[in-house]
Protein backbone atom coordinates (compact mmCIF):
# COMPACT_ATOMS: atom_id res chain seq x y z
CA MET A 1 99.34 325.98 212.23
CA ASP A 2 99.73 324.14 208.95
CA ALA A 3 101.04 320.59 209.04
CA GLN A 4 104.29 320.11 207.23
CA PRO A 5 104.56 317.06 205.00
CA ALA A 6 106.90 314.46 206.37
CA GLN A 7 110.29 314.37 204.76
CA PRO A 8 111.11 311.04 203.15
CA ALA A 9 113.40 308.96 205.26
CA ARG A 10 116.85 308.78 203.80
CA GLY A 11 119.00 305.74 204.25
CA PRO A 12 122.63 306.06 205.13
CA THR A 13 124.75 307.40 202.34
CA VAL A 14 126.73 304.65 200.74
CA GLU A 15 130.36 305.68 200.56
CA THR A 16 132.19 304.68 197.40
CA SER A 17 135.64 305.93 198.25
CA GLY A 18 138.11 306.09 201.05
CA PRO A 19 139.92 303.56 203.23
CA ALA A 20 136.77 302.25 204.96
CA PHE A 21 135.12 301.60 201.59
CA CYS A 22 138.19 299.76 200.30
CA LYS A 23 138.40 297.61 203.45
CA GLN A 24 134.70 296.76 203.10
CA VAL A 25 135.20 295.75 199.46
CA GLU A 26 138.15 293.56 200.49
CA LYS A 27 136.16 291.73 203.14
CA GLU A 28 133.05 291.36 200.99
CA THR A 29 135.01 290.02 198.02
CA PHE A 30 136.88 287.59 200.25
CA LEU A 31 133.61 286.34 201.77
CA LEU A 32 132.11 285.86 198.29
CA ILE A 33 135.14 283.85 197.18
CA ASN A 34 134.90 281.63 200.26
CA GLN A 35 131.17 281.24 199.66
CA TYR A 36 131.93 280.10 196.10
CA ARG A 37 134.56 277.66 197.40
CA LYS A 38 132.14 276.23 199.96
CA GLU A 39 129.37 275.81 197.37
CA ASN A 40 131.82 273.92 195.15
CA ASP A 41 133.27 271.67 197.88
CA PHE A 42 136.59 273.48 198.30
CA ALA A 43 137.98 274.23 201.74
CA PRO A 44 137.60 277.85 202.78
CA LEU A 45 140.62 280.10 202.68
CA ALA A 46 141.88 281.56 205.94
CA TRP A 47 142.28 285.35 205.86
CA ASP A 48 145.81 286.49 206.57
CA GLU A 49 146.46 290.16 207.27
CA GLU A 50 150.14 289.98 206.24
CA ILE A 51 149.09 288.63 202.84
CA ALA A 52 146.41 291.34 202.63
CA LYS A 53 148.99 294.07 203.38
CA THR A 54 151.21 292.72 200.60
CA ALA A 55 148.27 292.54 198.19
CA ARG A 56 147.12 296.03 199.19
CA ALA A 57 150.59 297.44 198.50
CA HIS A 58 150.52 295.97 194.97
CA SER A 59 147.02 297.38 194.34
CA LYS A 60 148.30 300.79 195.49
CA VAL A 61 151.19 300.60 193.02
CA MET A 62 148.79 299.76 190.18
CA ALA A 63 146.34 302.52 191.22
CA SER A 64 149.23 305.01 191.34
CA GLY A 65 150.09 304.41 187.70
CA GLY A 66 152.41 301.43 188.02
CA ASP A 67 152.14 298.57 185.59
CA PHE A 68 148.86 296.70 185.82
CA GLY A 69 149.56 293.00 186.20
CA HIS A 70 151.80 290.62 188.04
CA ASP A 71 155.13 292.45 187.93
CA GLY A 72 156.93 291.76 191.18
CA PHE A 73 154.88 288.65 192.04
CA ASN A 74 157.98 286.62 192.95
CA ASP A 75 159.21 289.48 195.15
CA ARG A 76 155.85 289.59 196.96
CA ILE A 77 156.00 285.86 197.61
CA SER A 78 159.64 286.05 198.74
CA HIS A 79 158.64 288.76 201.22
CA LEU A 80 155.79 286.62 202.52
CA ARG A 81 158.11 283.62 202.89
CA GLU A 82 160.30 285.69 205.21
CA THR A 83 157.41 286.31 207.58
CA MET A 84 155.34 283.17 206.99
CA PRO A 85 157.35 279.94 207.07
CA GLY A 86 155.90 276.98 205.21
CA ILE A 87 154.61 278.66 202.05
CA TRP A 88 154.66 275.91 199.49
CA GLY A 89 152.84 277.43 196.53
CA ALA A 90 151.18 280.69 195.55
CA GLY A 91 148.95 282.34 192.99
CA GLU A 92 147.67 285.82 192.35
CA ASN A 93 144.64 287.44 190.74
CA VAL A 94 144.45 291.11 189.83
CA LEU A 95 141.62 293.20 188.46
CA TYR A 96 140.54 296.78 188.02
CA CYS A 97 136.98 298.00 187.97
CA SER A 98 135.43 301.44 187.56
CA ASP A 99 131.81 300.32 188.07
CA LEU A 100 131.28 300.71 191.81
CA ASN A 101 127.80 299.16 191.85
CA ASP A 102 128.07 295.88 193.73
CA VAL A 103 131.81 295.98 193.06
CA ALA A 104 132.69 292.87 195.10
CA GLN A 105 130.17 290.72 193.23
CA HIS A 106 131.39 292.20 189.94
CA ALA A 107 134.99 291.31 190.78
CA LEU A 108 134.02 287.76 191.68
CA GLN A 109 132.08 287.31 188.43
CA MET A 110 134.97 288.67 186.34
CA TRP A 111 137.37 286.21 187.97
CA LEU A 112 134.95 283.28 187.73
CA HIS A 113 134.62 283.84 183.98
CA SER A 114 138.37 283.72 183.42
CA PRO A 115 139.85 280.19 183.38
CA HIS A 116 143.20 281.29 184.83
CA HIS A 117 141.65 283.29 187.68
CA LEU A 118 139.12 280.57 188.36
CA ARG A 119 141.98 278.08 188.68
CA ASN A 120 143.42 280.21 191.50
CA ILE A 121 140.04 280.59 193.22
CA ARG A 122 139.54 276.82 193.06
CA GLY A 123 143.20 276.07 193.81
CA ASP A 124 144.71 273.98 196.58
CA TYR A 125 145.48 276.98 198.77
CA SER A 126 144.97 277.40 202.49
CA HIS A 127 145.42 281.13 203.11
CA SER A 128 144.71 284.33 201.26
CA GLY A 129 144.64 288.07 201.55
CA LEU A 130 142.97 290.58 199.33
CA GLY A 131 144.02 294.18 198.90
CA VAL A 132 141.98 296.95 197.29
CA TRP A 133 143.12 300.45 196.42
CA GLN A 134 141.28 303.24 194.63
CA ASP A 135 142.87 305.68 192.22
CA LYS A 136 142.08 309.40 192.05
CA ASP A 137 139.40 308.78 189.39
CA GLY A 138 137.58 306.19 191.53
CA THR A 139 138.75 303.03 189.75
CA ILE A 140 139.23 300.13 192.15
CA TYR A 141 142.32 297.89 191.84
CA PHE A 142 142.21 294.42 193.35
CA THR A 143 145.03 292.02 194.18
CA GLN A 144 144.30 288.66 195.75
CA ILE A 145 147.22 286.47 196.76
CA PHE A 146 146.66 282.80 197.47
CA VAL A 147 149.17 280.63 199.32
CA LYS A 148 149.43 277.06 200.46
CA ILE A 149 151.03 276.82 203.87
CA LYS A 150 152.25 273.42 204.96
CA PRO A 151 153.29 272.72 208.53
CA LEU A 152 157.03 272.97 208.96
CA THR A 153 158.71 269.60 208.60
CA GLN A 154 162.21 268.64 207.59
CA GLU A 155 161.00 268.57 203.99
CA THR A 156 159.48 272.07 204.00
CA GLN A 157 162.40 273.51 205.98
CA ALA A 158 164.78 272.16 203.34
CA ALA A 159 162.69 273.55 200.44
CA PRO A 160 164.40 276.25 198.40
CA ALA A 161 163.39 279.80 199.30
CA SER A 162 162.52 280.61 195.71
CA GLY A 163 161.00 278.79 192.79
CA ALA A 164 158.37 276.88 194.80
CA ALA A 165 155.66 279.44 194.09
CA PRO A 166 154.07 278.63 190.76
CA PHE A 167 152.90 281.69 188.88
CA THR A 168 149.28 281.04 188.05
CA GLY A 169 147.60 284.45 187.76
CA LEU A 170 147.59 284.92 184.01
CA PHE A 171 145.60 287.57 182.21
CA ALA A 172 142.32 286.94 180.45
CA ASN A 173 141.03 290.31 179.26
CA PRO A 174 142.00 293.98 179.58
CA GLU A 175 140.50 294.36 183.08
CA THR A 176 141.87 291.17 184.62
CA ARG A 177 145.30 289.70 184.66
């Protein structure tokens, strides 16, 4: 009986599409942003699933052919204010990326090299959610929403429902806005 050569061990196939992949990219990107904040003496952001759902919905719109950018930002923040009392300020970063190699690190680096996006990452925010959606061609669309939530006091309860969320997610190059 002849010995058969051993087959090379194959590692697990790395998925680069589908809902599980997108969720993994969300979590990894969020962790990298918090790591950056910690290394630069900024308080970590708390993950909020309601913010992530809102961000994910915007990424889906962009991936489905909607306008790439911040259209509807004030509507997204108004929606969040309905479910999350105490939002005092907000910002948003968006990005698209077709290079799926180390995509979370790539997204972070793109945002860190854009002054407007970096301002949001370094901003005085307390909570965040990040939503990723992939289009039919494999391009990944990111939306990260940042909010500052203050405990409810007479002052925050009396704050106007709109206009308190400064728009800070400006565009820097064709892939990021």
